């Protein structure tokens, strides 16, 4: 995932887009730059409450992680940093839940302004539909998140997929 963020940072620095400072800015950036993004919708035939509970549990399990990256050259450590991922869920009303993944980095100088809570990585909206159906709306970078989006669809259908398949 760190490589993904590095690519995004290069794009931000090149002036193509600016680093999103809010969840809504992340969604807008992904919509406005479709070649850099995954923006998708999916409808599952499961009750809203079941989908919310399943995805909240899987997000905590699979995305609430820390990763340490260390680079060595000639037997010496030349770089070491730690990424911490922060999954969050927020009930907007009885028909909408917003899930957000942010990331903070320790041990590296960040060249772009980092918003409170960390860089915005993924936004997922869960919307109650009639007939015990739930709609998922996904917004993320294209790099490295295609499989995660597919897993979220499977999880929403009640399938117990591993965090990394």
N, C-alpha and C. Protein backbone atom coordinates (compact mmCIF):
# COMPACT_ATOMS: atom_id res chain seq x y z
N UNK A 1 0.81 -1.19 0.00
CA UNK A 1 0.00 0.00 0.00
C UNK A 1 0.86 1.25 0.00
N UNK A 2 2.06 1.17 0.56
CA UNK A 2 2.93 2.34 0.61
C UNK A 2 3.33 2.78 -0.79
N UNK A 3 3.56 1.81 -1.68
CA UNK A 3 3.89 2.16 -3.05
C UNK A 3 2.76 2.93 -3.71
N UNK A 4 1.55 2.56 -3.35
CA UNK A 4 0.38 3.24 -3.87
C UNK A 4 0.41 4.70 -3.45
N UNK A 5 0.65 4.93 -2.16
CA UNK A 5 0.67 6.29 -1.66
C UNK A 5 1.80 7.09 -2.30
N UNK A 6 2.93 6.45 -2.56
CA UNK A 6 4.05 7.14 -3.21
C UNK A 6 3.67 7.61 -4.60
N UNK A 7 2.98 6.75 -5.34
CA UNK A 7 2.54 7.12 -6.69
C UNK A 7 1.56 8.28 -6.61
N UNK A 8 0.61 8.20 -5.68
CA UNK A 8 -0.37 9.27 -5.52
C UNK A 8 0.33 10.57 -5.16
N UNK A 9 1.31 10.50 -4.27
CA UNK A 9 2.05 11.69 -3.85
C UNK A 9 2.74 12.33 -5.05
N UNK A 10 3.35 11.52 -5.91
CA UNK A 10 4.01 12.05 -7.12
C UNK A 10 3.00 12.77 -7.99
N UNK A 11 1.82 12.18 -8.14
CA UNK A 11 0.79 12.81 -8.95
C UNK A 11 0.36 14.14 -8.32
N UNK A 12 0.16 14.14 -6.99
CA UNK A 12 -0.22 15.37 -6.31
C UNK A 12 0.85 16.44 -6.51
N UNK A 13 2.11 16.05 -6.35
CA UNK A 13 3.21 17.00 -6.48
C UNK A 13 3.36 17.50 -7.91
N UNK A 14 3.00 16.66 -8.87
CA UNK A 14 3.09 17.07 -10.27
C UNK A 14 2.00 18.08 -10.61
N UNK A 15 1.05 18.26 -9.69
CA UNK A 15 0.03 19.28 -9.92
C UNK A 15 -1.23 18.76 -10.57
N UNK A 16 -1.33 17.45 -10.79
CA UNK A 16 -2.53 16.91 -11.40
C UNK A 16 -3.73 17.08 -10.49
N UNK A 17 -3.55 16.76 -9.24
CA UNK A 17 -4.60 16.91 -8.24
C UNK A 17 -3.93 17.30 -6.92
N UNK A 18 -4.72 17.83 -6.00
CA UNK A 18 -4.17 18.15 -4.68
C UNK A 18 -4.61 17.08 -3.70
N UNK A 19 -3.87 16.91 -2.64
CA UNK A 19 -4.18 15.90 -1.64
C UNK A 19 -5.51 16.23 -0.98
N UNK A 20 -6.48 15.32 -1.02
CA UNK A 20 -7.79 15.60 -0.41
C UNK A 20 -7.66 15.86 1.09
N UNK A 21 -8.31 16.91 1.54
CA UNK A 21 -8.27 17.29 2.95
C UNK A 21 -9.52 16.86 3.71
N UNK A 22 -10.54 16.39 2.98
CA UNK A 22 -11.77 15.90 3.60
C UNK A 22 -12.23 14.66 2.84
N UNK A 23 -13.15 13.94 3.44
CA UNK A 23 -13.74 12.76 2.80
C UNK A 23 -14.44 13.16 1.50
N UNK A 24 -15.19 14.26 1.53
CA UNK A 24 -15.88 14.72 0.33
C UNK A 24 -14.90 15.10 -0.78
N UNK A 25 -13.76 15.70 -0.40
CA UNK A 25 -12.74 16.02 -1.41
C UNK A 25 -12.17 14.75 -2.03
N UNK A 26 -11.99 13.69 -1.23
CA UNK A 26 -11.52 12.42 -1.79
C UNK A 26 -12.51 11.92 -2.83
N UNK A 27 -13.80 11.92 -2.50
CA UNK A 27 -14.81 11.44 -3.43
C UNK A 27 -14.81 12.27 -4.71
N UNK A 28 -14.76 13.59 -4.57
CA UNK A 28 -14.76 14.48 -5.73
C UNK A 28 -13.52 14.25 -6.59
N UNK A 29 -12.36 14.11 -5.95
CA UNK A 29 -11.11 13.87 -6.69
C UNK A 29 -11.20 12.58 -7.49
N UNK A 30 -11.73 11.53 -6.88
CA UNK A 30 -11.83 10.24 -7.57
C UNK A 30 -12.82 10.33 -8.74
N UNK A 31 -13.93 11.02 -8.55
CA UNK A 31 -14.91 11.18 -9.62
C UNK A 31 -14.33 11.99 -10.77
N UNK A 32 -13.58 13.05 -10.45
CA UNK A 32 -13.04 13.95 -11.47
C UNK A 32 -11.79 13.41 -12.17
N UNK A 33 -11.19 12.34 -11.65
CA UNK A 33 -9.99 11.76 -12.26
C UNK A 33 -10.18 10.25 -12.43
N UNK A 34 -11.11 9.85 -13.31
CA UNK A 34 -11.46 8.43 -13.43
C UNK A 34 -10.30 7.53 -13.86
N UNK A 35 -9.31 8.07 -14.55
CA UNK A 35 -8.19 7.23 -14.96
C UNK A 35 -7.29 6.88 -13.77
N UNK A 36 -7.41 7.62 -12.66
CA UNK A 36 -6.61 7.38 -11.47
C UNK A 36 -7.39 6.69 -10.37
N UNK A 37 -8.67 6.40 -10.63
CA UNK A 37 -9.56 6.02 -9.53
C UNK A 37 -10.39 4.78 -9.82
N UNK A 38 -10.92 4.25 -8.73
CA UNK A 38 -11.98 3.26 -8.79
C UNK A 38 -13.19 3.92 -8.15
N UNK A 39 -14.21 4.12 -8.94
CA UNK A 39 -15.48 4.63 -8.45
C UNK A 39 -16.51 3.62 -8.93
N UNK A 40 -17.15 2.95 -7.97
CA UNK A 40 -18.08 1.91 -8.37
C UNK A 40 -19.27 1.81 -7.44
N UNK A 41 -20.32 1.18 -7.95
CA UNK A 41 -21.50 0.91 -7.14
C UNK A 41 -21.82 -0.58 -7.25
N UNK A 42 -22.44 -1.09 -6.22
CA UNK A 42 -22.82 -2.50 -6.16
C UNK A 42 -24.03 -2.61 -5.25
N UNK A 43 -25.00 -3.42 -5.65
CA UNK A 43 -26.18 -3.65 -4.83
C UNK A 43 -26.18 -5.10 -4.38
N UNK A 44 -26.33 -5.29 -3.07
CA UNK A 44 -26.38 -6.63 -2.49
C UNK A 44 -27.79 -6.90 -1.98
N UNK A 45 -28.17 -8.16 -1.99
CA UNK A 45 -29.49 -8.57 -1.53
C UNK A 45 -29.47 -8.93 -0.05
N UNK A 46 -28.89 -8.06 0.75
CA UNK A 46 -28.85 -8.26 2.20
C UNK A 46 -29.34 -7.00 2.90
N UNK A 47 -29.91 -7.22 4.08
CA UNK A 47 -30.41 -6.10 4.87
C UNK A 47 -29.28 -5.12 5.20
N UNK A 48 -29.62 -3.87 5.22
CA UNK A 48 -28.70 -2.78 5.50
C UNK A 48 -27.92 -3.02 6.79
N UNK A 49 -28.62 -3.37 7.88
CA UNK A 49 -27.97 -3.55 9.18
C UNK A 49 -26.95 -4.69 9.13
N UNK A 50 -27.26 -5.76 8.41
CA UNK A 50 -26.33 -6.89 8.29
C UNK A 50 -25.08 -6.49 7.51
N UNK A 51 -25.28 -5.75 6.44
CA UNK A 51 -24.15 -5.31 5.61
C UNK A 51 -23.26 -4.36 6.41
N UNK A 52 -23.86 -3.41 7.12
CA UNK A 52 -23.10 -2.46 7.93
C UNK A 52 -22.28 -3.21 8.98
N UNK A 53 -22.91 -4.15 9.68
CA UNK A 53 -22.21 -4.90 10.73
C UNK A 53 -21.06 -5.72 10.15
N UNK A 54 -21.31 -6.39 9.03
CA UNK A 54 -20.27 -7.21 8.40
C UNK A 54 -19.10 -6.36 7.94
N UNK A 55 -19.38 -5.28 7.22
CA UNK A 55 -18.30 -4.46 6.69
C UNK A 55 -17.55 -3.73 7.80
N UNK A 56 -18.25 -3.29 8.82
CA UNK A 56 -17.55 -2.63 9.93
C UNK A 56 -16.58 -3.62 10.59
N UNK A 57 -17.02 -4.85 10.80
CA UNK A 57 -16.15 -5.87 11.42
C UNK A 57 -14.95 -6.17 10.51
N UNK A 58 -15.20 -6.36 9.21
CA UNK A 58 -14.10 -6.70 8.28
C UNK A 58 -13.14 -5.52 8.11
N UNK A 59 -13.65 -4.30 8.11
CA UNK A 59 -12.76 -3.14 7.98
C UNK A 59 -11.84 -3.04 9.19
N UNK A 60 -12.38 -3.25 10.38
CA UNK A 60 -11.53 -3.21 11.58
C UNK A 60 -10.48 -4.32 11.52
N UNK A 61 -10.91 -5.51 11.15
CA UNK A 61 -10.00 -6.66 11.08
C UNK A 61 -8.94 -6.51 10.00
N UNK A 62 -9.35 -6.10 8.82
CA UNK A 62 -8.46 -6.12 7.67
C UNK A 62 -7.71 -4.81 7.41
N UNK A 63 -8.31 -3.70 7.77
CA UNK A 63 -7.69 -2.41 7.45
C UNK A 63 -7.14 -1.69 8.68
N UNK A 64 -7.49 -2.12 9.87
CA UNK A 64 -6.99 -1.48 11.08
C UNK A 64 -5.61 -2.03 11.43
N UNK A 65 -4.64 -1.77 10.58
CA UNK A 65 -3.32 -2.41 10.70
C UNK A 65 -2.20 -1.36 10.71
N UNK A 66 -1.01 -1.84 11.10
CA UNK A 66 0.23 -1.06 11.00
C UNK A 66 1.19 -1.84 10.13
N UNK A 67 1.88 -1.12 9.27
CA UNK A 67 2.91 -1.74 8.43
C UNK A 67 4.19 -0.95 8.57
N UNK A 68 5.27 -1.66 8.83
CA UNK A 68 6.58 -1.03 8.91
C UNK A 68 7.37 -1.40 7.67
N UNK A 69 7.95 -0.41 7.03
CA UNK A 69 8.78 -0.62 5.85
C UNK A 69 10.20 -0.21 6.19
N UNK A 70 11.15 -1.09 5.93
CA UNK A 70 12.55 -0.81 6.17
C UNK A 70 13.32 -1.12 4.89
N UNK A 71 14.18 -0.20 4.52
CA UNK A 71 15.02 -0.39 3.34
C UNK A 71 16.46 -0.42 3.81
N UNK A 72 17.21 -1.42 3.34
CA UNK A 72 18.63 -1.52 3.69
C UNK A 72 19.46 -1.55 2.43
N UNK A 73 20.63 -0.98 2.54
CA UNK A 73 21.63 -1.00 1.45
C UNK A 73 22.98 -1.22 2.08
N UNK A 74 23.70 -2.19 1.58
CA UNK A 74 25.04 -2.47 2.09
C UNK A 74 25.04 -2.84 3.57
N UNK A 75 23.99 -3.48 4.02
CA UNK A 75 23.91 -3.90 5.41
C UNK A 75 23.49 -2.81 6.38
N UNK A 76 23.21 -1.61 5.86
CA UNK A 76 22.78 -0.50 6.72
C UNK A 76 21.33 -0.15 6.41
N UNK A 77 20.60 0.19 7.46
CA UNK A 77 19.23 0.66 7.27
C UNK A 77 19.29 2.08 6.74
N UNK A 78 18.69 2.29 5.56
CA UNK A 78 18.71 3.62 4.95
C UNK A 78 17.38 4.34 5.11
N UNK A 79 16.32 3.57 5.42
CA UNK A 79 15.02 4.19 5.59
C UNK A 79 14.13 3.25 6.39
N UNK A 80 13.34 3.81 7.26
CA UNK A 80 12.36 3.02 8.01
C UNK A 80 11.20 3.94 8.37
N UNK A 81 9.98 3.50 8.05
CA UNK A 81 8.80 4.27 8.41
C UNK A 81 7.66 3.32 8.71
N UNK A 82 6.64 3.85 9.39
CA UNK A 82 5.50 3.02 9.76
C UNK A 82 4.21 3.71 9.32
N UNK A 83 3.37 2.94 8.61
CA UNK A 83 2.05 3.40 8.20
C UNK A 83 1.01 2.76 9.13
N UNK A 84 0.10 3.57 9.63
CA UNK A 84 -1.00 3.09 10.46
C UNK A 84 -2.30 3.45 9.76
N UNK A 85 -3.14 2.45 9.54
CA UNK A 85 -4.40 2.64 8.85
C UNK A 85 -5.53 2.76 9.87
N UNK A 86 -6.43 3.71 9.63
CA UNK A 86 -7.49 4.05 10.56
C UNK A 86 -8.86 3.90 9.89
N UNK A 87 -9.50 2.72 10.02
CA UNK A 87 -10.86 2.57 9.48
C UNK A 87 -11.88 3.19 10.42
N UNK A 88 -12.86 3.88 9.84
CA UNK A 88 -13.90 4.54 10.62
C UNK A 88 -15.26 4.30 9.98
N UNK A 89 -16.27 4.28 10.81
CA UNK A 89 -17.64 4.12 10.34
C UNK A 89 -18.49 5.19 11.01
N UNK A 90 -19.34 5.86 10.22
CA UNK A 90 -20.17 6.93 10.77
C UNK A 90 -21.60 6.80 10.24
N UNK A 91 -22.54 6.66 11.17
CA UNK A 91 -23.95 6.60 10.79
C UNK A 91 -24.43 8.02 10.54
N UNK A 92 -24.81 8.31 9.30
CA UNK A 92 -25.30 9.64 8.94
C UNK A 92 -26.78 9.74 9.31
N UNK A 93 -27.53 8.70 8.96
CA UNK A 93 -28.95 8.59 9.32
C UNK A 93 -29.34 7.12 9.22
N UNK A 94 -30.61 6.80 9.33
CA UNK A 94 -31.05 5.39 9.32
C UNK A 94 -30.88 4.72 7.97
N UNK A 95 -30.56 5.48 6.94
CA UNK A 95 -30.41 4.91 5.60
C UNK A 95 -29.03 5.10 4.99
N UNK A 96 -28.09 5.69 5.73
CA UNK A 96 -26.77 5.95 5.17
C UNK A 96 -25.68 5.82 6.24
N UNK A 97 -24.65 5.01 5.92
CA UNK A 97 -23.46 4.89 6.75
C UNK A 97 -22.25 5.19 5.87
N UNK A 98 -21.34 6.02 6.38
CA UNK A 98 -20.11 6.34 5.67
C UNK A 98 -18.95 5.59 6.31
N UNK A 99 -18.21 4.88 5.50
CA UNK A 99 -16.99 4.21 5.97
C UNK A 99 -15.82 4.91 5.32
N UNK A 100 -14.78 5.16 6.11
CA UNK A 100 -13.62 5.92 5.62
C UNK A 100 -12.35 5.25 6.11
N UNK A 101 -11.35 5.19 5.23
CA UNK A 101 -10.04 4.68 5.61
C UNK A 101 -9.03 5.80 5.43
N UNK A 102 -8.34 6.14 6.54
CA UNK A 102 -7.27 7.12 6.50
C UNK A 102 -5.98 6.47 6.95
N UNK A 103 -4.85 7.09 6.61
CA UNK A 103 -3.55 6.53 6.94
C UNK A 103 -2.61 7.62 7.44
N UNK A 104 -1.92 7.32 8.55
CA UNK A 104 -0.88 8.20 9.06
C UNK A 104 0.47 7.51 8.87
N UNK A 105 1.51 8.32 8.70
CA UNK A 105 2.86 7.80 8.50
C UNK A 105 3.79 8.41 9.54
N UNK A 106 4.61 7.57 10.16
CA UNK A 106 5.63 8.02 11.11
C UNK A 106 7.00 7.67 10.54
N UNK A 107 7.95 8.59 10.70
CA UNK A 107 9.32 8.34 10.27
C UNK A 107 9.61 8.80 8.85
N UNK A 108 8.70 9.58 8.27
CA UNK A 108 8.92 10.09 6.91
C UNK A 108 8.37 11.51 6.85
N UNK A 109 9.07 12.37 6.17
CA UNK A 109 8.61 13.74 5.98
C UNK A 109 7.58 13.73 4.86
N UNK A 110 6.39 14.22 5.18
CA UNK A 110 5.32 14.28 4.18
C UNK A 110 5.39 15.63 3.49
N UNK A 111 5.44 15.62 2.17
CA UNK A 111 5.59 16.85 1.41
C UNK A 111 4.27 17.57 1.18
N UNK A 112 3.16 16.85 1.25
CA UNK A 112 1.86 17.49 1.10
C UNK A 112 1.22 17.64 2.47
N UNK A 113 0.27 18.53 2.57
CA UNK A 113 -0.43 18.76 3.84
C UNK A 113 -1.26 17.52 4.18
N UNK A 114 -1.05 16.99 5.37
CA UNK A 114 -1.77 15.80 5.82
C UNK A 114 -2.98 16.27 6.64
N UNK A 115 -4.19 15.85 6.24
CA UNK A 115 -5.37 16.28 6.99
C UNK A 115 -5.44 15.62 8.37
N UNK A 116 -6.21 16.19 9.29
CA UNK A 116 -6.39 15.56 10.59
C UNK A 116 -6.86 14.11 10.43
N UNK A 117 -6.23 13.19 11.15
CA UNK A 117 -6.60 11.78 11.05
C UNK A 117 -5.82 11.02 9.99
N UNK A 118 -5.08 11.73 9.13
CA UNK A 118 -4.26 11.08 8.11
C UNK A 118 -4.79 11.27 6.70
N UNK A 119 -4.00 10.77 5.75
CA UNK A 119 -4.40 10.85 4.34
C UNK A 119 -5.64 10.02 4.09
N UNK A 120 -6.53 10.53 3.28
CA UNK A 120 -7.75 9.80 2.91
C UNK A 120 -7.40 8.79 1.83
N UNK A 121 -7.76 7.53 2.07
CA UNK A 121 -7.41 6.44 1.17
C UNK A 121 -8.65 5.88 0.46
N UNK A 122 -9.70 5.59 1.22
CA UNK A 122 -10.92 4.99 0.68
C UNK A 122 -12.14 5.62 1.34
N UNK A 123 -13.19 5.82 0.55
CA UNK A 123 -14.52 6.18 1.08
C UNK A 123 -15.50 5.15 0.54
N UNK A 124 -16.35 4.65 1.43
CA UNK A 124 -17.39 3.69 1.04
C UNK A 124 -18.69 4.13 1.68
N UNK A 125 -19.71 4.38 0.86
CA UNK A 125 -21.02 4.75 1.37
C UNK A 125 -21.93 3.53 1.28
N UNK A 126 -22.68 3.28 2.34
CA UNK A 126 -23.65 2.19 2.39
C UNK A 126 -25.03 2.81 2.50
N UNK A 127 -25.91 2.50 1.54
CA UNK A 127 -27.22 3.12 1.49
C UNK A 127 -28.32 2.05 1.54
N UNK A 128 -29.28 2.26 2.42
CA UNK A 128 -30.42 1.35 2.53
C UNK A 128 -31.31 1.51 1.29
N UNK A 129 -31.68 0.39 0.68
CA UNK A 129 -32.63 0.38 -0.43
C UNK A 129 -33.86 -0.42 -0.01
N UNK A 130 -34.93 -0.27 -0.75
CA UNK A 130 -36.14 -1.04 -0.43
C UNK A 130 -35.92 -2.51 -0.76
N UNK A 131 -36.76 -3.36 -0.19
CA UNK A 131 -36.69 -4.79 -0.48
C UNK A 131 -35.49 -5.48 0.14
N UNK A 132 -35.05 -5.02 1.33
CA UNK A 132 -33.89 -5.61 2.02
C UNK A 132 -32.64 -5.66 1.15
N UNK A 133 -32.40 -4.60 0.41
CA UNK A 133 -31.19 -4.48 -0.40
C UNK A 133 -30.35 -3.32 0.13
N UNK A 134 -29.06 -3.37 -0.15
CA UNK A 134 -28.13 -2.32 0.27
C UNK A 134 -27.24 -1.97 -0.91
N UNK A 135 -27.06 -0.68 -1.12
CA UNK A 135 -26.19 -0.19 -2.19
C UNK A 135 -24.86 0.26 -1.61
N UNK A 136 -23.77 -0.19 -2.24
CA UNK A 136 -22.42 0.23 -1.86
C UNK A 136 -21.90 1.19 -2.92
N UNK A 137 -21.26 2.28 -2.50
CA UNK A 137 -20.64 3.24 -3.42
C UNK A 137 -19.19 3.43 -2.98
N UNK A 138 -18.25 3.04 -3.80
CA UNK A 138 -16.82 2.96 -3.48
C UNK A 138 -16.04 4.05 -4.19
N UNK A 139 -15.08 4.68 -3.48
CA UNK A 139 -14.21 5.72 -4.03
C UNK A 139 -12.80 5.47 -3.52
N UNK A 140 -11.85 5.21 -4.43
CA UNK A 140 -10.46 5.01 -4.02
C UNK A 140 -9.54 5.25 -5.21
N UNK A 141 -8.26 5.25 -4.91
CA UNK A 141 -7.24 5.27 -5.96
C UNK A 141 -7.32 3.95 -6.73
N UNK A 142 -6.93 3.96 -7.97
CA UNK A 142 -6.94 2.74 -8.78
C UNK A 142 -5.80 1.81 -8.39
N UNK A 143 -4.70 2.36 -7.88
CA UNK A 143 -3.52 1.55 -7.60
C UNK A 143 -3.69 0.74 -6.32
N UNK A 144 -3.81 -0.57 -6.50
CA UNK A 144 -3.82 -1.48 -5.37
C UNK A 144 -5.15 -1.69 -4.68
N UNK A 145 -6.22 -1.06 -5.14
CA UNK A 145 -7.49 -1.17 -4.44
C UNK A 145 -8.55 -1.94 -5.20
N UNK A 146 -8.26 -2.42 -6.40
CA UNK A 146 -9.24 -3.18 -7.18
C UNK A 146 -9.67 -4.44 -6.44
N UNK A 147 -8.73 -5.20 -5.91
CA UNK A 147 -9.07 -6.42 -5.18
C UNK A 147 -9.81 -6.11 -3.89
N UNK A 148 -9.47 -5.02 -3.23
CA UNK A 148 -10.17 -4.65 -1.99
C UNK A 148 -11.64 -4.33 -2.29
N UNK A 149 -11.90 -3.64 -3.38
CA UNK A 149 -13.28 -3.33 -3.77
C UNK A 149 -14.04 -4.63 -4.03
N UNK A 150 -13.41 -5.57 -4.72
CA UNK A 150 -14.04 -6.86 -4.98
C UNK A 150 -14.33 -7.61 -3.68
N UNK A 151 -13.38 -7.60 -2.73
CA UNK A 151 -13.60 -8.25 -1.43
C UNK A 151 -14.76 -7.60 -0.68
N UNK A 152 -14.87 -6.27 -0.74
CA UNK A 152 -15.96 -5.59 -0.05
C UNK A 152 -17.32 -6.00 -0.62
N UNK A 153 -17.39 -6.22 -1.91
CA UNK A 153 -18.63 -6.72 -2.51
C UNK A 153 -18.96 -8.11 -1.98
N UNK A 154 -17.95 -8.97 -1.93
CA UNK A 154 -18.14 -10.33 -1.41
C UNK A 154 -18.56 -10.30 0.06
N UNK A 155 -17.88 -9.48 0.85
CA UNK A 155 -18.24 -9.36 2.26
C UNK A 155 -19.69 -8.89 2.40
N UNK A 156 -20.10 -7.91 1.57
CA UNK A 156 -21.47 -7.40 1.67
C UNK A 156 -22.50 -8.47 1.34
N UNK A 157 -22.11 -9.45 0.52
CA UNK A 157 -22.99 -10.57 0.18
C UNK A 157 -23.00 -11.65 1.27
N UNK A 158 -22.19 -11.46 2.32
CA UNK A 158 -22.15 -12.41 3.42
C UNK A 158 -21.08 -13.49 3.26
N UNK A 159 -20.23 -13.37 2.26
CA UNK A 159 -19.16 -14.35 2.05
C UNK A 159 -17.97 -13.98 2.95
N UNK A 160 -17.40 -14.97 3.61
CA UNK A 160 -16.30 -14.73 4.55
C UNK A 160 -14.95 -14.83 3.82
N UNK A 161 -14.66 -13.84 3.02
CA UNK A 161 -13.40 -13.79 2.28
C UNK A 161 -12.27 -13.36 3.23
N UNK A 162 -11.07 -13.87 2.98
CA UNK A 162 -9.90 -13.46 3.75
C UNK A 162 -9.59 -11.99 3.46
N UNK A 163 -8.83 -11.36 4.34
CA UNK A 163 -8.46 -9.95 4.14
C UNK A 163 -7.68 -9.76 2.85
N UNK A 164 -6.74 -10.62 2.58
CA UNK A 164 -5.97 -10.59 1.33
C UNK A 164 -6.17 -11.93 0.65
N UNK A 165 -6.77 -11.90 -0.51
CA UNK A 165 -6.98 -13.18 -1.21
C UNK A 165 -6.08 -13.30 -2.41
